[in-house]
Protein backbone atom coordinates (compact mmCIF):
# COMPACT_ATOMS: atom_id res chain seq x y z
CA UNK A 1 -15.95 -13.29 43.56
CA UNK A 2 -18.71 -10.96 44.68
CA UNK A 3 -17.29 -8.16 46.82
CA UNK A 4 -19.26 -5.10 47.82
CA UNK A 5 -18.56 -2.34 50.32
CA UNK A 6 -21.41 -0.50 52.06
CA UNK A 7 -20.64 2.82 53.77
CA UNK A 8 -22.83 4.73 56.20
CA UNK A 9 -21.52 8.24 55.56
CA UNK A 10 -23.27 9.65 58.63
CA UNK A 11 -21.52 7.35 61.11
CA UNK A 12 -18.46 6.58 58.98
CA UNK A 13 -19.09 2.82 59.27
CA UNK A 14 -18.37 0.24 56.59
CA UNK A 15 -19.70 -3.28 56.06
CA UNK A 16 -18.97 -5.89 53.43
CA UNK A 17 -20.74 -8.53 51.36
CA UNK A 18 -18.45 -11.31 50.10
CA UNK A 19 -19.82 -14.10 47.96
CA UNK A 20 -19.53 -16.68 45.25
CA UNK A 21 -22.38 -16.31 42.73
CA UNK A 22 -21.50 -19.68 41.19
CA UNK A 23 -22.25 -21.34 44.54
CA UNK A 24 -25.04 -18.94 45.51
CA UNK A 25 -23.50 -18.14 48.90
CA UNK A 26 -22.30 -14.99 50.64
CA UNK A 27 -20.90 -13.87 53.99
CA UNK A 28 -21.69 -10.50 55.50
CA UNK A 29 -19.12 -8.66 57.64
CA UNK A 30 -20.07 -6.06 60.29
CA UNK A 31 -23.68 -5.46 59.20
CA UNK A 32 -25.59 -2.34 60.17
CA UNK A 33 -28.99 -2.55 61.87
CA UNK A 34 -30.68 -1.56 58.59
CA UNK A 35 -30.24 -4.94 56.88
CA UNK A 36 -32.54 -4.30 53.92
CA UNK A 37 -29.65 -2.98 51.84
CA UNK A 38 -27.75 -6.27 52.15
CA UNK A 39 -30.74 -8.45 51.39
CA UNK A 40 -31.45 -6.46 48.26
CA UNK A 41 -27.81 -6.64 47.12
CA UNK A 42 -27.63 -10.37 47.79
CA UNK A 43 -30.85 -10.97 45.89
CA UNK A 44 -29.60 -8.93 42.94
CA UNK A 45 -26.37 -10.96 42.88
CA UNK A 46 -28.15 -14.30 43.14
CA UNK A 47 -26.59 -15.25 46.48
CA UNK A 48 -27.91 -16.14 49.93
CA UNK A 49 -26.30 -14.75 53.08
CA UNK A 50 -25.21 -17.83 55.04
CA UNK A 51 -23.13 -16.26 57.83
CA UNK A 52 -22.38 -12.99 59.60
CA UNK A 53 -18.80 -12.27 60.65
CA UNK A 54 -18.27 -9.63 63.32
CA UNK A 55 -14.79 -8.13 63.58
CA UNK A 56 -15.70 -7.17 67.16
CA UNK A 57 -18.48 -5.92 69.41
CA UNK A 58 -19.28 -2.52 67.97
CA UNK A 59 -19.63 0.51 70.22
CA UNK A 60 -20.79 3.07 67.67
CA UNK A 61 -23.64 1.34 65.86
CA UNK A 62 -26.19 -1.37 66.53
CA UNK A 63 -25.34 -4.49 64.55
CA UNK A 64 -27.78 -6.18 62.22
CA UNK A 65 -26.66 -9.67 63.22
CA UNK A 66 -29.69 -10.06 65.49
CA UNK A 67 -32.17 -9.19 62.78
CA UNK A 68 -30.45 -11.55 60.33
CA UNK A 69 -30.56 -14.36 62.90
CA UNK A 70 -34.18 -13.81 63.95
CA UNK A 71 -35.65 -12.95 60.56
CA UNK A 72 -33.53 -15.13 58.25
CA UNK A 73 -31.84 -17.79 60.42
CA UNK A 74 -28.32 -16.55 59.64
CA UNK A 75 -25.67 -17.60 62.24
CA UNK A 76 -23.14 -15.16 63.66
CA UNK A 77 -19.42 -15.79 64.15
CA UNK A 78 -17.29 -13.72 66.53
CA UNK A 79 -14.17 -14.30 68.63
CA UNK A 80 -15.12 -15.78 72.05
CA UNK A 81 -13.34 -12.94 73.92
CA UNK A 82 -16.38 -10.87 72.95
CA UNK A 83 -18.31 -12.91 75.53
CA UNK A 84 -21.63 -12.54 73.70
CA UNK A 85 -24.93 -13.45 75.35
CA UNK A 86 -26.35 -14.82 72.10
CA UNK A 87 -25.73 -18.12 70.32
CA UNK A 88 -22.59 -17.76 68.20
CA UNK A 89 -19.94 -19.75 66.36
CA UNK A 90 -16.44 -18.92 67.65
CA UNK A 91 -13.65 -17.51 65.51
CA UNK A 92 -10.00 -18.41 66.09
CA UNK A 93 -6.72 -16.97 64.85
CA UNK A 94 -5.71 -18.66 61.60
CA UNK A 95 -9.14 -20.22 61.05
CA UNK A 96 -10.19 -20.70 57.40
CA UNK A 97 -13.77 -20.00 56.34
CA UNK A 98 -15.35 -19.96 52.91
CA UNK A 99 -18.05 -18.00 51.12
CA UNK A 100 -18.83 -20.60 48.49
CA UNK A 101 -15.32 -21.19 47.11
CA UNK A 102 -13.93 -17.82 48.30
CA UNK A 103 -11.43 -18.35 51.16
CA UNK A 104 -11.52 -16.10 54.24
CA UNK A 105 -8.75 -16.33 56.84
CA UNK A 106 -9.09 -14.98 60.38
CA UNK A 107 -6.34 -12.86 61.97
CA UNK A 108 -6.86 -12.11 65.65
CA UNK A 109 -5.99 -8.39 66.00
CA UNK A 110 -6.73 -7.20 69.56
CA UNK A 111 -6.23 -3.60 70.63
CA UNK A 112 -9.41 -1.72 69.87
CA UNK A 113 -11.17 -4.55 71.69
CA UNK A 114 -9.73 -7.86 72.99
CA UNK A 115 -11.84 -9.95 70.58
CA UNK A 116 -11.07 -7.96 67.46
CA UNK A 117 -10.33 -9.91 64.27
CA UNK A 118 -9.38 -8.95 60.72
CA UNK A 119 -10.26 -11.08 57.69
CA UNK A 120 -8.03 -11.86 54.70
CA UNK A 121 -10.23 -12.50 51.66
CA UNK A 122 -9.10 -14.56 48.67
CA UNK A 123 -5.42 -13.85 49.45
CA UNK A 124 -5.72 -10.41 47.90
CA UNK A 125 -7.50 -8.09 50.31
CA UNK A 126 -7.95 -7.63 54.04
CA UNK A 127 -10.92 -6.33 56.00
CA UNK A 128 -9.20 -4.58 58.90
CA UNK A 129 -12.28 -3.62 60.93
CA UNK A 130 -11.34 -1.26 63.76
CA UNK A 131 -7.60 -1.89 63.70
CA UNK A 132 -5.95 -0.32 60.65
CA UNK A 133 -7.77 2.59 59.05
CA UNK A 134 -6.87 4.51 55.92
CA UNK A 135 -4.35 7.04 57.20
CA UNK A 136 -4.91 6.20 60.86
CA UNK A 137 -5.40 3.42 63.42
CA UNK A 138 -8.19 2.68 65.87
CA UNK A 139 -8.58 4.25 69.29
CA UNK A 140 -7.53 1.86 72.07
CA UNK A 141 -9.56 3.20 75.00
CA UNK A 142 -13.15 2.00 74.50
CA UNK A 143 -12.95 -1.51 75.95
CA UNK A 144 -9.80 -1.64 78.10
CA UNK A 145 -7.36 0.77 79.70
CA UNK A 146 -5.83 2.94 76.97
CA UNK A 147 -2.22 1.79 77.38
CA UNK A 148 -3.19 -1.86 77.43
CA UNK A 149 -5.28 -1.37 74.30
CA UNK A 150 -2.47 0.58 72.59
CA UNK A 151 0.02 -2.21 73.27
CA UNK A 152 -2.29 -4.80 71.74
CA UNK A 153 -3.00 -2.53 68.80
CA UNK A 154 0.72 -2.03 68.10
CA UNK A 155 1.34 -5.75 67.77
CA UNK A 156 -1.81 -6.23 65.68
CA UNK A 157 -0.72 -3.52 63.26
CA UNK A 158 2.68 -5.17 63.00
CA UNK A 159 0.97 -8.40 61.95
CA UNK A 160 -1.13 -6.63 59.35
CA UNK A 161 1.89 -4.87 57.83
CA UNK A 162 3.50 -8.26 57.28
CA UNK A 163 0.85 -9.00 54.68
CA UNK A 164 1.92 -8.46 51.04
CA UNK A 165 2.10 -4.80 50.01
CA UNK A 166 -0.31 -5.49 47.15
CA UNK A 167 -3.14 -6.52 49.47
CA UNK A 168 -6.02 -4.08 49.34
CA UNK A 169 -7.13 -2.64 52.70
CA UNK A 170 -10.82 -2.18 53.45
CA UNK A 171 -11.45 -0.74 56.95
CA UNK A 172 -14.45 -0.87 59.25
CA UNK A 173 -14.53 2.91 59.47
CA UNK A 174 -13.89 5.85 57.19
CA UNK A 175 -13.65 9.59 57.81
CA UNK A 176 -16.52 10.81 59.96
CA UNK A 177 -16.21 8.13 62.61
CA UNK A 178 -15.18 8.95 66.18
CA UNK A 179 -13.08 5.76 66.25
CA UNK A 180 -10.13 7.58 64.69
CA UNK A 181 -8.92 11.17 64.56
CA UNK A 182 -7.04 11.45 61.27
CA UNK A 183 -8.72 9.08 58.85
CA UNK A 184 -8.48 9.68 55.12
CA UNK A 185 -11.71 10.23 53.16
CA UNK A 186 -10.63 7.30 50.97
CA UNK A 187 -12.62 4.11 51.40
CA UNK A 188 -9.76 1.73 50.59
CA UNK A 189 -5.99 1.56 50.21
CA UNK A 190 -3.23 -1.05 50.08
CA UNK A 191 -0.87 -2.41 52.71
CA UNK A 192 2.05 -0.90 50.80
CA UNK A 193 0.48 2.53 50.59
CA UNK A 194 -0.40 2.54 54.28
CA UNK A 195 3.17 1.58 55.20
CA UNK A 196 4.39 4.57 53.19
CA UNK A 197 1.84 7.17 54.29
CA UNK A 198 0.12 6.18 57.53
CA UNK A 199 1.75 7.97 60.46
CA UNK A 200 0.53 5.29 62.88
CA UNK A 201 2.74 2.77 61.09
CA UNK A 202 5.82 4.99 61.03
CA UNK A 203 7.30 3.84 64.32
CA UNK A 204 8.55 0.34 64.95
CA UNK A 205 9.04 1.14 68.63
CA UNK A 206 6.24 -0.24 70.78
CA UNK A 207 6.74 2.17 73.69
CA UNK A 208 6.71 5.24 71.47
CA UNK A 209 3.52 4.03 69.79
CA UNK A 210 1.85 3.33 73.14
CA UNK A 211 2.79 6.74 74.55
CA UNK A 212 1.49 8.57 71.50
CA UNK A 213 -1.67 6.54 70.94
CA UNK A 214 -2.81 6.21 74.54
CA UNK A 215 -2.66 9.98 75.06
CA UNK A 216 -4.98 10.80 72.17
CA UNK A 217 -8.63 11.34 72.98
CA UNK A 218 -11.77 12.10 71.04
CA UNK A 219 -15.25 12.53 72.52
CA UNK A 220 -16.89 9.30 73.59
CA UNK A 221 -20.58 9.34 72.70
CA UNK A 222 -22.87 8.66 75.67
CA UNK A 223 -24.56 5.99 73.54
CA UNK A 224 -21.43 3.80 73.63
CA UNK A 225 -22.30 1.66 76.66
CA UNK A 226 -25.87 1.12 75.47
CA UNK A 227 -24.78 0.11 71.97
CA UNK A 228 -22.19 -2.34 73.32
CA UNK A 229 -24.82 -3.88 75.60
CA UNK A 230 -27.25 -4.28 72.71
CA UNK A 231 -24.57 -5.85 70.51
CA UNK A 232 -23.37 -8.26 73.21
CA UNK A 233 -26.83 -9.11 74.48
CA UNK A 234 -29.70 -11.21 73.15
CA UNK A 235 -30.52 -10.73 69.49
CA UNK A 236 -32.22 -7.43 68.68
CA UNK A 237 -35.09 -7.80 66.24
CA UNK A 238 -36.72 -5.46 63.75
CA UNK A 239 -37.92 -2.04 64.90
CA UNK A 240 -41.56 -1.17 65.36
CA UNK A 241 -43.23 0.84 62.63
CA UNK A 242 -42.73 4.59 63.01
CA UNK A 243 -46.16 6.09 63.69
CA UNK A 244 -47.39 9.47 62.47
CA UNK A 245 -48.80 11.18 65.56
CA UNK A 246 -51.39 13.94 65.75
CA UNK A 247 -50.05 15.14 69.07
CA UNK A 248 -46.57 14.47 70.51
CA UNK A 249 -47.89 14.64 74.06
CA UNK A 250 -45.36 14.71 76.87
CA UNK A 251 -42.26 13.84 74.90
CA UNK A 252 -38.81 15.10 74.03
CA UNK A 253 -39.14 16.60 70.56
CA UNK A 254 -36.21 16.14 68.19
CA UNK A 255 -36.64 18.61 65.34
CA UNK A 256 -34.70 17.14 62.40
CA UNK A 257 -35.60 19.88 59.91
CA UNK A 258 -32.94 22.28 58.60
CA UNK A 259 -31.62 24.87 61.06
CA UNK A 260 -33.18 27.84 59.24
CA UNK A 261 -36.56 26.11 59.22
CA UNK A 262 -36.31 25.36 62.92
CA UNK A 263 -35.35 28.95 63.68
CA UNK A 264 -38.40 30.26 61.77
CA UNK A 265 -40.77 28.28 63.98
CA UNK A 266 -40.70 25.20 66.17
CA UNK A 267 -42.43 23.38 69.01
CA UNK A 268 -41.58 24.70 72.45
CA UNK A 269 -38.64 22.87 74.00
CA UNK A 270 -37.61 21.06 70.80
CA UNK A 271 -33.97 20.17 70.18
CA UNK A 272 -32.77 20.82 66.64
CA UNK A 273 -30.40 18.28 65.09
CA UNK A 274 -30.88 18.48 61.30
CA UNK A 275 -31.09 15.06 59.64
CA UNK A 276 -29.39 16.46 56.55
CA UNK A 277 -26.32 17.51 58.51
CA UNK A 278 -23.11 15.54 58.96
CA UNK A 279 -22.85 13.13 61.89
CA UNK A 280 -26.58 13.42 62.58
CA UNK A 281 -26.91 10.26 64.66
CA UNK A 282 -23.76 10.90 66.69
CA UNK A 283 -24.79 14.48 67.47
CA UNK A 284 -28.31 13.45 68.37
CA UNK A 285 -26.80 10.89 70.75
CA UNK A 286 -25.05 13.69 72.65
CA UNK A 287 -28.37 15.50 73.16
CA UNK A 288 -30.92 12.75 73.78
CA UNK A 289 -31.44 10.31 76.63
CA UNK A 290 -32.33 6.82 75.37
CA UNK A 291 -34.70 6.35 78.31
CA UNK A 292 -36.89 9.34 77.45
CA UNK A 293 -39.90 9.29 75.14
CA UNK A 294 -38.68 10.70 71.82
CA UNK A 295 -40.83 12.11 69.03
CA UNK A 296 -39.32 13.25 65.75
CA UNK A 297 -40.49 16.52 64.21
CA UNK A 298 -39.89 16.28 60.46
CA UNK A 299 -41.02 18.06 57.32
CA UNK A 300 -42.47 14.85 55.89
CA UNK A 301 -42.51 11.10 56.32
CA UNK A 302 -39.37 10.54 54.24
CA UNK A 303 -37.35 12.87 56.47
CA UNK A 304 -38.79 11.23 59.58
CA UNK A 305 -37.89 7.73 58.36
CA UNK A 306 -34.34 8.79 57.49
CA UNK A 307 -33.91 10.33 60.94
CA UNK A 308 -35.36 7.22 62.59
CA UNK A 309 -32.90 5.03 60.70
CA UNK A 310 -30.00 7.11 62.02
CA UNK A 311 -31.31 7.13 65.58
CA UNK A 312 -31.89 3.39 65.64
CA UNK A 313 -28.36 2.87 64.37
CA UNK A 314 -27.00 4.35 67.61
CA UNK A 315 -29.39 2.59 69.98
CA UNK A 316 -32.58 4.67 70.04
CA UNK A 317 -34.78 1.74 69.09
CA UNK A 318 -38.05 2.63 70.82
CA UNK A 319 -39.11 5.85 69.12
CA UNK A 320 -42.59 7.10 69.99
CA UNK A 321 -43.32 8.33 66.46
CA UNK A 322 -43.11 11.49 64.41
CA UNK A 323 -45.10 14.65 63.79
CA UNK A 324 -45.22 17.09 60.91
CA UNK A 325 -47.27 20.18 60.31
CA UNK A 326 -47.64 20.84 64.03
CA UNK A 327 -48.17 24.46 65.15
CA UNK A 328 -44.97 26.39 65.88
CA UNK A 329 -45.15 28.06 69.26
CA UNK A 330 -41.77 29.79 69.36
CA UNK A 331 -38.87 30.87 67.18
CA UNK A 332 -35.49 32.56 67.44
CA UNK A 333 -33.74 35.08 65.25
CA UNK A 334 -30.36 33.94 63.89
CA UNK A 335 -27.47 36.40 64.10
CA UNK A 336 -25.29 37.28 61.13
CA UNK A 337 -21.58 37.80 61.72
CA UNK A 338 -21.61 41.53 60.97
CA UNK A 339 -24.53 41.97 63.35
CA UNK A 340 -22.69 40.02 66.03
CA UNK A 341 -19.73 42.37 65.76
CA UNK A 342 -22.01 45.34 66.47
CA UNK A 343 -23.74 43.56 69.36
CA UNK A 344 -20.40 42.74 70.96
CA UNK A 345 -19.22 46.34 70.67
CA UNK A 346 -22.39 47.38 72.48
CA UNK A 347 -21.93 44.70 75.16
CA UNK A 348 -25.43 43.51 74.36
CA UNK A 349 -24.79 39.78 74.09
CA UNK A 350 -22.62 36.97 75.36
CA UNK A 351 -20.91 34.72 72.81
CA UNK A 352 -20.76 30.99 73.44
CA UNK A 353 -18.29 28.98 71.37
CA UNK A 354 -19.74 25.46 71.12
CA UNK A 355 -16.91 23.79 69.21
CA UNK A 356 -14.48 21.22 70.60
CA UNK A 357 -11.45 22.36 72.60
CA UNK A 358 -9.02 21.39 69.84
CA UNK A 359 -10.89 23.64 67.40
CA UNK A 360 -11.02 26.52 69.84
CA UNK A 361 -7.27 26.30 70.43
CA UNK A 362 -6.75 27.17 66.77
CA UNK A 363 -8.60 30.46 67.11
CA UNK A 364 -11.51 31.96 69.05
CA UNK A 365 -13.35 35.24 69.46
CA UNK A 366 -11.86 37.22 72.37
CA UNK A 367 -14.10 37.24 75.42
CA UNK A 368 -16.24 34.33 74.25
CA UNK A 369 -17.23 31.53 76.60
CA UNK A 370 -16.57 27.92 75.68
CA UNK A 371 -18.84 24.92 76.23
CA UNK A 372 -18.92 22.18 73.55
CA UNK A 373 -22.49 21.71 72.33
CA UNK A 374 -22.44 18.05 73.41
CA UNK A 375 -22.08 19.04 77.07
CA UNK A 376 -24.84 21.61 77.31
CA UNK A 377 -27.73 19.34 78.17
CA UNK A 378 -25.98 16.78 80.32
CA UNK A 379 -23.83 19.11 82.39
CA UNK A 380 -25.93 22.27 82.50
CA UNK A 381 -25.11 25.82 81.54
CA UNK A 382 -22.94 26.98 84.45
CA UNK A 383 -21.07 30.12 83.47
CA UNK A 384 -23.68 31.30 80.98
CA UNK A 385 -25.04 34.71 81.97
CA UNK A 386 -28.86 34.46 81.92
CA UNK A 387 -29.15 38.27 82.02
CA UNK A 388 -27.95 38.64 78.42
CA UNK A 389 -28.95 36.99 75.16
CA UNK A 390 -26.49 34.22 74.30
CA UNK A 391 -25.19 33.93 70.75
CA UNK A 392 -23.96 30.44 69.88
CA UNK A 393 -21.27 29.96 67.25
CA UNK A 394 -19.30 27.05 65.75
CA UNK A 395 -17.69 26.55 62.32
CA UNK A 396 -20.66 26.37 59.97
CA UNK A 397 -23.83 26.88 61.99
CA UNK A 398 -24.95 23.28 62.54
CA UNK A 399 -23.73 22.87 66.12
CA UNK A 400 -24.67 26.47 66.88
CA UNK A 401 -28.28 25.62 66.06
CA UNK A 402 -28.19 22.50 68.22
CA UNK A 403 -26.74 24.49 71.11
CA UNK A 404 -29.23 27.33 70.76
CA UNK A 405 -32.13 24.87 70.81
CA UNK A 406 -30.82 23.21 73.97
CA UNK A 407 -30.32 26.57 75.67
CA UNK A 408 -33.76 27.80 74.60
CA UNK A 409 -35.35 24.64 75.99
CA UNK A 410 -33.60 25.44 79.29
CA UNK A 411 -35.17 28.90 79.35
CA UNK A 412 -32.15 30.88 78.12
CA UNK A 413 -32.50 33.54 75.43
CA UNK A 414 -30.27 32.07 72.72
CA UNK A 415 -29.63 33.03 69.10
CA UNK A 416 -27.37 31.02 66.77
CA UNK A 417 -24.98 32.10 64.03
CA UNK A 418 -26.26 29.86 61.24
CA UNK A 419 -24.32 31.18 58.26
CA UNK A 420 -20.60 31.04 58.91
CA UNK A 421 -18.52 30.56 61.99
CA UNK A 422 -15.48 31.55 64.00
CA UNK A 423 -13.06 31.37 61.08
CA UNK A 424 -15.30 33.73 59.10
CA UNK A 425 -15.22 36.24 61.95
CA UNK A 426 -14.30 39.70 60.53
CA UNK A 427 -12.48 40.76 63.69
CA UNK A 428 -9.29 39.33 65.17
CA UNK A 429 -9.28 35.91 66.80
CA UNK A 430 -7.02 34.60 69.53
CA UNK A 431 -5.21 31.26 69.37
CA UNK A 432 -4.05 29.19 72.29
CA UNK A 433 -0.41 28.22 72.54
CA UNK A 434 0.14 25.06 74.52
CA UNK A 435 3.57 26.26 75.61
CA UNK A 436 1.75 28.59 78.02
CA UNK A 437 1.13 31.81 76.12
CA UNK A 438 -1.66 33.13 73.99
CA UNK A 439 -1.69 35.61 71.17
């Protein structure tokens, strides 16, 4: 049996190629929009991709099933509760499929979405999609009301745990995805190990599981609705070639160069989301509007192409092009932590903590404001004092740079802490106690 896992570390998404080299056939599960990697792998293994299986309609990345259908005539199978607008072959609970002589059995596992299915491969491993993760379980609130989704998820997890303990578990997401909050960095496990270690499988009480799971929340990217629409709608074909532009014109500039490079000089109004940083595409999705004209500012073509691949993965398909070597018209001076301490003592700056609320609760700089970076563009900068320079800070500098670029584009004097963050702060921090006190 040919079995290969592909992981997009930026989005935390996983896809799978299952085949039978002796028969020259393979099935692809949950493909990404960048299908070249699968075609190359299939060619190297001497197999032809004959079908795409979708565990569900994805909300966090654009599927490659459209490109495979339009460019290579590969059919797509998905459960009919997905209600797709494209031609598909329906999946049903208990259905048996084959990749050559390799058996694949469908298990309908609703919860994350009503149509969700898992796939048992060769009676020895299970592709759990967005149901059971390594160390966690899927969020239930993206397609239906959270409690309804949690109830479905509970029963689906119970079905999966009835599989033999020796079955290997290969999920649709790994650490880095917003579809789960406590995923392990491991890319696989076993049913037995998950039953022993996964807290989401610890309770056999449905009501307790529903209460706990439905109350959890992680940020929902604003790209979610667009990505779902693309994945449910007519097949999406290959992207247009990314053009190298002499002049960006009237466009939103996304500067994907490193934060220090951006700080040293950038195009006026550019937003800085470094392509080399973690969760690039997700973070860019919180800053950009898919309906605006977007031009990438990169150091070179390779960096521009990598950024474009990430942006297309989350639904930004119509990119205007990229620029490099364009004149820098403005810059900002980063602030070091020891300098920030002096500036605060002088009352010369305002500190803006741009982390998530859960991070801030664990410790923050006294007197600092709090607005998560992802909210700055969409919801404005109410509460930020325009009379003082604003110093943005996070954990490592990445989100601080994004936030400073958004504030600067809005006309606010902003300076990021790029080297270090709140937990490196030399002074005392304050933590928030949910019982009502702080100290």
